[in-house]
Amino acid sequence: MNHAVLFDWDNLLVPTHESWLRANQETFARHDRQLDEKTFLQLGGGTKLADLLRELDLDLALTDVIQHERNSVYDVLLEESEWETGAQELLDVLKVRQVLLGVVTSARRQNMNVMTRRLDASRFFLSNTIICREDVADRIKPDPHGLQLGAGRLGVPAENSFYLGDLKADMEASKNAGMKGILVKNKLTQSDAHTHAVAVYASLTECRERLDEWLK
């Protein structure tokens, strides 16, 4: 029986939070505004740009300009991307076991192209098994559409698929898709993110070491 393991990307396989925060901070600094991490996280981690503009008392007419500026800064910072600790080792073990691998992320494809090229991620993932924001439009997690699309491209039914993520929406999406959700915690993980997870680990290394507990 084939198994598929789908991964979230940001802050699971690759620690992108600091780069995204820095891209936002540098962009707003160009407009004479200071952005601290607490405010950044409270206002959606940069996903709700209009809320950031209001909080920093900037004209909403600047939305497109700031969006372009911060994406440009972010693309440059992503050229320095590195795998999260334990990521390559886990992917190597799964590949040896002939587990089918995919990614379902809310990241833009342009960002993913930069990171996957930098990290030579084609060793683990075929390009058509990396589901990005453009593939799901507004149907982002916890909507299961992206996970269903990823499993479909791998040719594995949902009940034989796992989704590894670090946020509550990841676990809710896995439940909604009929998959088994594996939560790997980090500083961004919400306190109730584990509610729909079938297993919870403190790191990708622990996830790999206890592989036989969840990959059944």
Protein backbone atom coordinates (compact mmCIF):
# COMPACT_ATOMS: atom_id res chain seq x y z
CA MET A 1 0.00 0.00 0.00
CA ASN A 2 1.47 3.36 -1.06
CA HIS A 3 1.60 6.17 1.45
CA ALA A 4 1.91 9.88 0.70
CA VAL A 5 3.36 12.49 3.02
CA LEU A 6 2.51 16.09 2.22
CA PHE A 7 4.32 18.94 3.92
CA ASP A 8 3.61 22.51 4.72
CA TRP A 9 6.68 24.56 3.75
CA ASP A 10 7.09 27.84 5.62
CA ASN A 11 8.52 27.38 9.11
CA LEU A 12 8.26 23.61 8.82
CA LEU A 13 10.75 22.51 6.17
CA VAL A 14 12.31 25.95 5.81
CA PRO A 15 12.47 28.62 8.56
CA THR A 16 11.12 31.62 6.65
CA HIS A 17 9.57 33.65 9.48
CA GLU A 18 12.62 35.80 10.20
CA SER A 19 13.11 36.59 6.52
CA TRP A 20 9.46 37.54 6.04
CA LEU A 21 9.48 39.70 9.17
CA ARG A 22 12.67 41.41 8.03
CA ALA A 23 11.21 42.03 4.56
CA ASN A 24 8.21 43.74 6.14
CA GLN A 25 10.35 45.74 8.58
CA GLU A 26 12.75 46.95 5.89
CA THR A 27 9.87 47.91 3.60
CA PHE A 28 8.02 49.91 6.24
CA ALA A 29 11.28 51.55 7.31
CA ARG A 30 11.49 53.02 3.81
CA HIS A 31 8.22 54.75 4.65
CA ASP A 32 9.50 55.98 8.03
CA ARG A 33 7.59 53.40 10.06
CA GLN A 34 8.87 50.92 12.64
CA LEU A 35 7.27 47.48 12.85
CA ASP A 36 7.91 45.20 15.84
CA GLU A 37 7.46 41.43 15.76
CA LYS A 38 4.61 41.40 18.28
CA THR A 39 2.49 43.80 16.22
CA PHE A 40 3.42 41.93 13.06
CA LEU A 41 2.14 38.63 14.47
CA GLN A 42 -0.96 40.12 16.06
CA LEU A 43 -2.00 41.57 12.70
CA GLY A 44 -1.76 38.33 10.75
CA GLY A 45 1.95 37.95 10.15
CA GLY A 46 1.87 40.12 7.06
CA THR A 47 -1.07 38.37 5.42
CA LYS A 48 -3.38 41.31 6.13
CA LEU A 49 -1.44 44.17 4.63
CA ALA A 50 -4.29 46.67 4.95
CA ASP A 51 -4.36 46.09 8.72
CA LEU A 52 -0.63 46.80 8.93
CA LEU A 53 -1.05 50.02 6.96
CA ARG A 54 -3.83 51.18 9.27
CA GLU A 55 -1.84 50.27 12.38
CA LEU A 56 1.18 52.21 11.11
CA ASP A 57 -0.97 55.15 9.95
CA LEU A 58 -0.16 54.80 6.27
CA ASP A 59 -2.46 55.58 3.35
CA LEU A 60 -4.15 52.47 1.94
CA ALA A 61 -3.35 53.86 -1.50
CA LEU A 62 0.20 52.62 -0.83
CA THR A 63 -0.95 48.99 -0.68
CA ASP A 64 0.29 47.94 -4.12
CA VAL A 65 3.56 49.84 -3.75
CA ILE A 66 4.36 48.27 -0.39
CA GLN A 67 3.27 44.84 -1.58
CA HIS A 68 5.70 45.05 -4.48
CA GLU A 69 8.52 46.45 -2.34
CA ARG A 70 8.33 43.82 0.40
CA ASN A 71 8.01 40.95 -2.10
CA SER A 72 11.15 42.18 -3.83
CA VAL A 73 13.06 42.32 -0.53
CA TYR A 74 11.73 38.90 0.46
CA ASP A 75 12.83 37.30 -2.83
CA VAL A 76 16.38 38.51 -2.19
CA LEU A 77 16.39 37.20 1.39
CA LEU A 78 15.08 33.82 0.27
CA GLU A 79 18.23 33.34 -1.79
CA GLU A 80 19.86 32.56 1.57
CA SER A 81 17.31 29.88 2.55
CA GLU A 82 18.42 26.77 4.43
CA TRP A 83 16.57 23.61 5.40
CA GLU A 84 15.10 23.44 8.88
CA THR A 85 17.09 21.25 11.27
CA GLY A 86 16.20 17.63 10.59
CA ALA A 87 14.32 18.31 7.35
CA GLN A 88 16.73 16.68 4.91
CA GLU A 89 17.21 13.67 7.17
CA LEU A 90 13.45 13.09 7.41
CA LEU A 91 12.98 13.51 3.67
CA ASP A 92 15.86 11.13 2.97
CA VAL A 93 14.34 8.41 5.16
CA LEU A 94 10.92 8.80 3.57
CA LYS A 95 12.45 8.66 0.09
CA VAL A 96 14.33 5.45 0.94
CA ARG A 97 11.05 3.96 2.13
CA GLN A 98 9.54 4.92 -1.23
CA VAL A 99 6.95 7.18 0.37
CA LEU A 100 5.46 9.61 -2.14
CA LEU A 101 6.22 13.23 -1.19
CA GLY A 102 4.51 16.53 -1.87
CA VAL A 103 4.15 20.10 -0.59
CA VAL A 104 1.01 22.14 0.05
CA THR A 105 1.84 25.73 0.92
CA SER A 106 0.28 29.17 0.93
CA ALA A 107 3.55 30.61 -0.40
CA ARG A 108 3.64 32.25 -3.82
CA ARG A 109 5.12 30.12 -6.59
CA GLN A 110 7.75 32.77 -7.26
CA ASN A 111 8.97 32.42 -3.67
CA MET A 112 8.89 28.64 -3.90
CA ASN A 113 10.89 28.67 -7.12
CA VAL A 114 13.62 30.69 -5.40
CA MET A 115 13.77 28.37 -2.39
CA THR A 116 13.45 25.04 -4.18
CA ARG A 117 16.20 26.02 -6.59
CA ARG A 118 18.44 27.17 -3.76
CA LEU A 119 17.84 23.94 -1.79
CA ASP A 120 17.80 21.53 -4.72
CA ALA A 121 14.40 20.35 -3.50
CA SER A 122 13.81 18.43 -6.75
CA ARG A 123 15.67 15.60 -5.02
CA PHE A 124 12.50 15.07 -3.01
CA PHE A 125 9.61 16.75 -4.79
CA LEU A 126 8.46 16.77 -8.41
CA SER A 127 7.45 20.24 -9.56
CA ASN A 128 3.80 19.25 -10.09
CA THR A 129 3.55 17.95 -6.51
CA ILE A 130 4.35 21.37 -5.02
CA ILE A 131 0.96 23.03 -4.54
CA CYS A 132 1.26 26.83 -4.13
CA ARG A 133 -1.12 29.72 -3.52
CA GLU A 134 -1.75 30.13 -7.24
CA ASP A 135 -3.05 26.57 -7.42
CA VAL A 136 -5.74 27.10 -4.79
CA ALA A 137 -6.67 30.78 -5.31
CA ASP A 138 -8.68 31.84 -2.26
CA ARG A 139 -9.23 28.29 -1.02
CA ILE A 140 -6.42 28.42 1.51
CA LYS A 141 -6.11 26.22 4.59
CA PRO A 142 -8.12 25.11 6.53
CA ASP A 143 -9.94 24.53 3.25
CA PRO A 144 -8.84 21.01 2.20
CA HIS A 145 -8.64 21.80 -1.52
CA GLY A 146 -4.84 22.10 -1.68
CA LEU A 147 -4.30 18.86 0.25
CA GLN A 148 -6.79 17.01 -1.94
CA LEU A 149 -5.09 18.38 -5.03
CA GLY A 150 -1.67 17.27 -3.75
CA ALA A 151 -2.81 13.75 -2.87
CA GLY A 152 -4.57 13.49 -6.21
CA ARG A 153 -1.40 14.33 -8.11
CA LEU A 154 0.46 11.68 -6.12
CA GLY A 155 -2.28 9.17 -6.84
CA VAL A 156 -2.82 8.24 -3.20
CA PRO A 157 -6.20 8.29 -1.44
CA ALA A 158 -6.62 10.71 1.46
CA GLU A 159 -6.89 7.93 4.04
CA ASN A 160 -3.38 6.79 3.13
CA SER A 161 -1.96 10.32 3.27
CA PHE A 162 -0.36 12.39 6.02
CA TYR A 163 0.01 16.15 6.24
CA LEU A 164 2.81 17.64 8.33
CA GLY A 165 2.37 21.22 9.48
CA ASP A 166 3.06 23.63 12.31
CA LEU A 167 -0.21 25.58 12.61
CA LYS A 168 -3.81 24.99 13.63
CA ALA A 169 -5.04 25.61 10.08
CA ASP A 170 -2.74 22.83 8.86
CA MET A 171 -4.30 20.31 11.22
CA GLU A 172 -7.81 21.47 10.44
CA ALA A 173 -7.11 21.17 6.71
CA SER A 174 -5.81 17.63 7.16
CA LYS A 175 -8.95 16.66 9.08
CA ASN A 176 -11.17 18.29 6.46
CA ALA A 177 -9.32 16.39 3.74
CA GLY A 178 -9.64 13.05 5.52
CA MET A 179 -5.88 12.85 6.11
CA LYS A 180 -3.85 12.25 9.25
CA GLY A 181 -2.37 15.48 10.57
CA ILE A 182 1.09 15.48 12.15
CA LEU A 183 1.88 18.63 14.13
CA VAL A 184 5.51 19.73 14.43
CA LYS A 185 5.64 22.57 16.93
CA ASN A 186 7.64 25.80 16.80
CA LYS A 187 7.34 29.27 18.33
CA LEU A 188 4.52 30.18 15.93
CA THR A 189 2.35 27.15 16.76
CA GLN A 190 -0.91 28.07 18.51
CA SER A 191 -1.62 26.48 21.88
CA ASP A 192 -4.68 24.64 20.53
CA ALA A 193 -3.14 23.60 17.22
CA HIS A 194 -2.92 19.98 18.31
CA THR A 195 -6.71 19.50 18.52
CA HIS A 196 -7.05 17.64 15.22
CA ALA A 197 -3.54 16.13 15.08
CA VAL A 198 -2.97 12.39 15.35
CA ALA A 199 0.58 12.99 16.60
CA VAL A 200 2.56 15.95 17.95
CA TYR A 201 6.34 16.34 17.85
CA ALA A 202 8.74 19.01 19.05
CA SER A 203 10.96 18.88 15.96
CA LEU A 204 11.44 17.22 12.59
CA THR A 205 14.22 15.17 14.17
CA GLU A 206 11.79 13.72 16.72
CA CYS A 207 9.29 13.17 13.93
CA ARG A 208 11.88 11.09 12.05
CA GLU A 209 13.03 9.19 15.13
CA ARG A 210 9.44 8.17 15.88
CA LEU A 211 8.51 7.54 12.27
CA ASP A 212 7.19 4.03 12.87
CA GLU A 213 4.70 5.39 15.40
CA TRP A 214 2.77 7.40 12.85
CA LEU A 215 3.70 6.10 9.40
CA LYS A 216 1.62 2.92 9.46
